[in-house]
C-alpha atoms as a PDB file:
ATOM      1  CA  UNK A   1      79.973  81.093  93.213  1.00  0.00           C
ATOM      2  CA  UNK A   2      82.141  79.355  95.789  1.00  0.00           C
ATOM      3  CA  UNK A   3      84.914  81.974  95.691  1.00  0.00           C
ATOM      4  CA  UNK A   4      83.326  84.436  98.228  1.00  0.00           C
ATOM      5  CA  UNK A   5      82.691  81.526 100.582  1.00  0.00           C
ATOM      6  CA  UNK A   6      86.345  80.502 100.325  1.00  0.00           C
ATOM      7  CA  UNK A   7      87.462  83.996 101.272  1.00  0.00           C
ATOM      8  CA  UNK A   8      85.074  84.121 104.220  1.00  0.00           C
ATOM      9  CA  UNK A   9      86.305  80.713 105.364  1.00  0.00           C
ATOM     10  CA  UNK A  10      89.933  81.863 105.068  1.00  0.00           C
ATOM     11  CA  UNK A  11      89.200  84.920 107.200  1.00  0.00           C
ATOM     12  CA  UNK A  12      87.445  82.731 109.774  1.00  0.00           C
ATOM     13  CA  UNK A  13      90.465  80.446 110.009  1.00  0.00           C
ATOM     14  CA  UNK A  14      92.863  83.392 110.337  1.00  0.00           C
ATOM     15  CA  UNK A  15      90.631  84.902 113.024  1.00  0.00           C
ATOM     16  CA  UNK A  16      90.557  81.675 115.000  1.00  0.00           C
ATOM     17  CA  UNK A  17      94.389  81.479 114.861  1.00  0.00           C
ATOM     18  CA  UNK A  18      94.897  85.182 115.665  1.00  0.00           C
ATOM     19  CA  UNK A  19      96.566  84.692 119.076  1.00  0.00           C
ATOM     20  CA  UNK A  20      99.207  82.192 117.911  1.00  0.00           C
ATOM     21  CA  UNK A  21      99.905  84.317 114.816  1.00  0.00           C
ATOM     22  CA  UNK A  22     100.377  87.473 116.919  1.00  0.00           C
ATOM     23  CA  UNK A  23     102.541  85.676 119.492  1.00  0.00           C
ATOM     24  CA  UNK A  24     104.814  84.127 116.854  1.00  0.00           C
ATOM     25  CA  UNK A  25     105.096  87.452 115.009  1.00  0.00           C
ATOM     26  CA  UNK A  26     106.024  89.288 118.217  1.00  0.00           C
ATOM     27  CA  UNK A  27     108.566  86.641 119.265  1.00  0.00           C
ATOM     28  CA  UNK A  28     110.219  86.633 115.832  1.00  0.00           C
ATOM     29  CA  UNK A  29     110.431  90.442 115.848  1.00  0.00           C
ATOM     30  CA  UNK A  30     112.104  90.381 119.265  1.00  0.00           C
ATOM     31  CA  UNK A  31     114.450  87.553 118.257  1.00  0.00           C
ATOM     32  CA  UNK A  32     115.493  89.247 115.017  1.00  0.00           C
ATOM     33  CA  UNK A  33     116.141  92.554 116.774  1.00  0.00           C
ATOM     34  CA  UNK A  34     118.244  90.819 119.459  1.00  0.00           C
ATOM     35  CA  UNK A  35     120.233  88.899 116.843  1.00  0.00           C
ATOM     36  CA  UNK A  36     120.905  92.042 114.840  1.00  0.00           C
ATOM     37  CA  UNK A  37     121.779  94.039 117.969  1.00  0.00           C
ATOM     38  CA  UNK A  38     124.129  91.558 119.649  1.00  0.00           C
ATOM     39  CA  UNK A  39     125.035  88.963 117.043  1.00  0.00           C
ATOM     40  CA  UNK A  40     126.044  91.001 114.020  1.00  0.00           C
ATOM     41  CA  UNK A  41     129.322  92.896 113.799  1.00  0.00           C
ATOM     42  CA  UNK A  42     129.421  96.616 113.064  1.00  0.00           C
ATOM     43  CA  UNK A  43     130.447  97.020 109.438  1.00  0.00           C
ATOM     44  CA  UNK A  44     130.342 100.787 109.162  1.00  0.00           C
ATOM     45  CA  UNK A  45     132.005 103.491 111.171  1.00  0.00           C
ATOM     46  CA  UNK A  46     131.145 107.100 110.527  1.00  0.00           C
ATOM     47  CA  UNK A  47     132.884 110.298 111.473  1.00  0.00           C
ATOM     48  CA  UNK A  48     132.156 113.958 111.003  1.00  0.00           C
ATOM     49  CA  UNK A  49     134.236 117.101 110.809  1.00  0.00           C
ATOM     50  CA  UNK A  50     132.319 120.130 111.981  1.00  0.00           C
ATOM     51  CA  UNK A  51     133.573 123.591 111.093  1.00  0.00           C
ATOM     52  CA  UNK A  52     132.208 126.511 113.092  1.00  0.00           C
ATOM     53  CA  UNK A  53     130.408 129.110 111.040  1.00  0.00           C
ATOM     54  CA  UNK A  54     131.058 132.817 110.980  1.00  0.00           C
ATOM     55  CA  UNK A  55     128.751 134.316 113.642  1.00  0.00           C
ATOM     56  CA  UNK A  56     128.476 137.574 111.707  1.00  0.00           C
ATOM     57  CA  UNK A  57     126.982 135.796 108.665  1.00  0.00           C
ATOM     58  CA  UNK A  58     124.357 134.042 110.813  1.00  0.00           C
ATOM     59  CA  UNK A  59     123.116 137.255 112.377  1.00  0.00           C
ATOM     60  CA  UNK A  60     119.405 137.830 111.838  1.00  0.00           C
ATOM     61  CA  UNK A  61     119.904 141.289 110.334  1.00  0.00           C
ATOM     62  CA  UNK A  62     122.402 139.989 107.786  1.00  0.00           C
ATOM     63  CA  UNK A  63     120.264 137.014 106.796  1.00  0.00           C
ATOM     64  CA  UNK A  64     117.035 138.917 106.254  1.00  0.00           C
ATOM     65  CA  UNK A  65     118.194 142.211 104.799  1.00  0.00           C
ATOM     66  CA  UNK A  66     117.198 143.280 101.319  1.00  0.00           C
ATOM     67  CA  UNK A  67     119.992 144.385  99.037  1.00  0.00           C
ATOM     68  CA  UNK A  68     118.853 146.600  96.198  1.00  0.00           C
ATOM     69  CA  UNK A  69     121.209 147.384  93.345  1.00  0.00           C
ATOM     70  CA  UNK A  70     124.269 145.677  94.803  1.00  0.00           C
ATOM     71  CA  UNK A  71     125.505 142.212  93.902  1.00  0.00           C
ATOM     72  CA  UNK A  72     127.388 141.405  97.089  1.00  0.00           C
ATOM     73  CA  UNK A  73     126.245 137.845  97.402  1.00  0.00           C
ATOM     74  CA  UNK A  74     123.932 135.716  95.301  1.00  0.00           C
ATOM     75  CA  UNK A  75     122.462 134.110  98.419  1.00  0.00           C
ATOM     76  CA  UNK A  76     120.769 137.356  99.419  1.00  0.00           C
ATOM     77  CA  UNK A  77     117.433 138.160  97.852  1.00  0.00           C
ATOM     78  CA  UNK A  78     117.559 140.935  95.273  1.00  0.00           C
ATOM     79  CA  UNK A  79     114.885 143.642  95.213  1.00  0.00           C
ATOM     80  CA  UNK A  80     112.837 144.293  92.184  1.00  0.00           C
END
């Protein structure tokens, strides 16, 4: 029967130490972010090649037209 009392006592202790726990947690979060921002080298470098699309194929009428009976492109929705 002493187990619920132990849990209540543990919560009381954690509540009484709430300010130091929050301060230490905040300081460690700031310190770890500063160390990772300034102290660690950049390991990865990314690049991208962007190709412009055909403006005719991105026209609203071309994208949302219904093609019935023709198999011009499988991306267009077929009727039926």
